[in-house]
Amino acid sequence: MSSESQSTANMGLEDVSRSTRWKKKRANEKLAAILAVGVVGIIILYIYSLTLGAYHISFQDSAKDIWNIITNLGPDENVMDEKVIFYLRMPRSLMALCVGAGLAVAGAVMQALIRNPLVDPYLTGVSSGASFMVVLVTLGGFNLGMAATAAVPLAAIIGAIVAFGATMFIAEVAGGRTMNYVLAGVIISTGLSSAITLVTYFNVDNYESVTKWLFGSFMDQGWENTLVVIMGTVIPMIVAFCFSKKLNIMLLGEEQAQYLGIDVKVLKRMMLVLIAILTAFCVAYCGVIGFVGLIVPHVCRMILGGDHRLLIPASAVVGALVMLIADIFCKTIIEPSELPIGAVVAVIGVPFFLFLMVKEGKRYAM
């Protein structure tokens, strides 16, 4: 190669490198903007959510009460506002934040694992598996007593792992195409939904409470359940972020990932368990809430690209914000009653899923 050709090639490589650095910088700036806006929005809406309810508390009083609770490490038992906020409203809103973040991150990881933006824990049967086991344990005649706090999330984890494992197995036996995972998830979800119906049919006395749970709700959540959900979602999300580089490599395809030193089978199993745990803790206490894991990661990916080092934290913040907004909407739209949050999110999620099917359908055709 002549010196002139070599110089031209070097200039081309420098241009590519400069363009790559510029894109990375832009992506980091977008992530910073998303995190800043998201965190500020969460703080404002969190305080606002504490003002909602039959017992009225102003925004200013709510902010002051939160500060007093934090500085005093608990509420003043002689101040009604602080007791209402601390015991009734703070755990509910915190659970909404954790569930939204957890479902969004679970969806982002699942989409990387299957390499398909049309999947999420709801569509692949994970939520249905967790729901079935929770319904079976709570209504199936088991006397849990004091063990209920541990048994419910454990049953949800087992159900989620089994359901997602069945989805993966059916899809791979059917050929392993990306759309097969969606179809397998629909099959598993339909079967488990029918099983849930049969269990509730033989427990008519508890039908109303089960229905409310299956539609999704953050009502009557105390600190005991909320702390379990916080631990069960924050830790898996941190683990998912630690595997973000490997998830990026998985987007290149399994063969390329193996060539680059990734043990694909081990990684898939680890991520399967991680997704199941994350989804299970989200479903265990608040019921089935679908499409958050589909919508949020996809929107973040459209803005930031496919780098999971950016996508996972952005999905967590946006998912938390979306779920808090949805919870506020459900509490305020038909006061003093409230709408089931799972149904409200589904109303938004179904048109978005149809949009994705039209947009991505040919790319992920069988």
Foldseek 3Di string as FASTA:
>chain_A
DDPVVVVVVVVVVVVVVVVVVVLQVQLVVVLVVLLVVLVVLLVQLLLVQLQDAPDGDDSVRSVVLVVVCVVVVHGDPVDPSNCCSAWFGNLLLLLLLLLQLLQQLLLLLVCLLLVHLLDGLQQQQLQLQLLLQLLCCVQVPDDCPPNNLVRLLVSSLVRNLVSNVQLCVQLVVVPSFSVSSSVSSNVNNVVSVVSSVVSCVVVVVCNVVSVLLQLFDSHPDGPSLSVQLCVQRPVLLVVSLVCLVLSVQSSVDDVSSVVVPDPSVVVSSVSSSSSSSSSSSSDRPGHDADQSNNPQLVVSCVSNNSRSNSSSVSSSSVSSSVSSVLNSCQPPVDPPHGDHSNVVNVVVRVVVSVVCCVVCVVVRDD
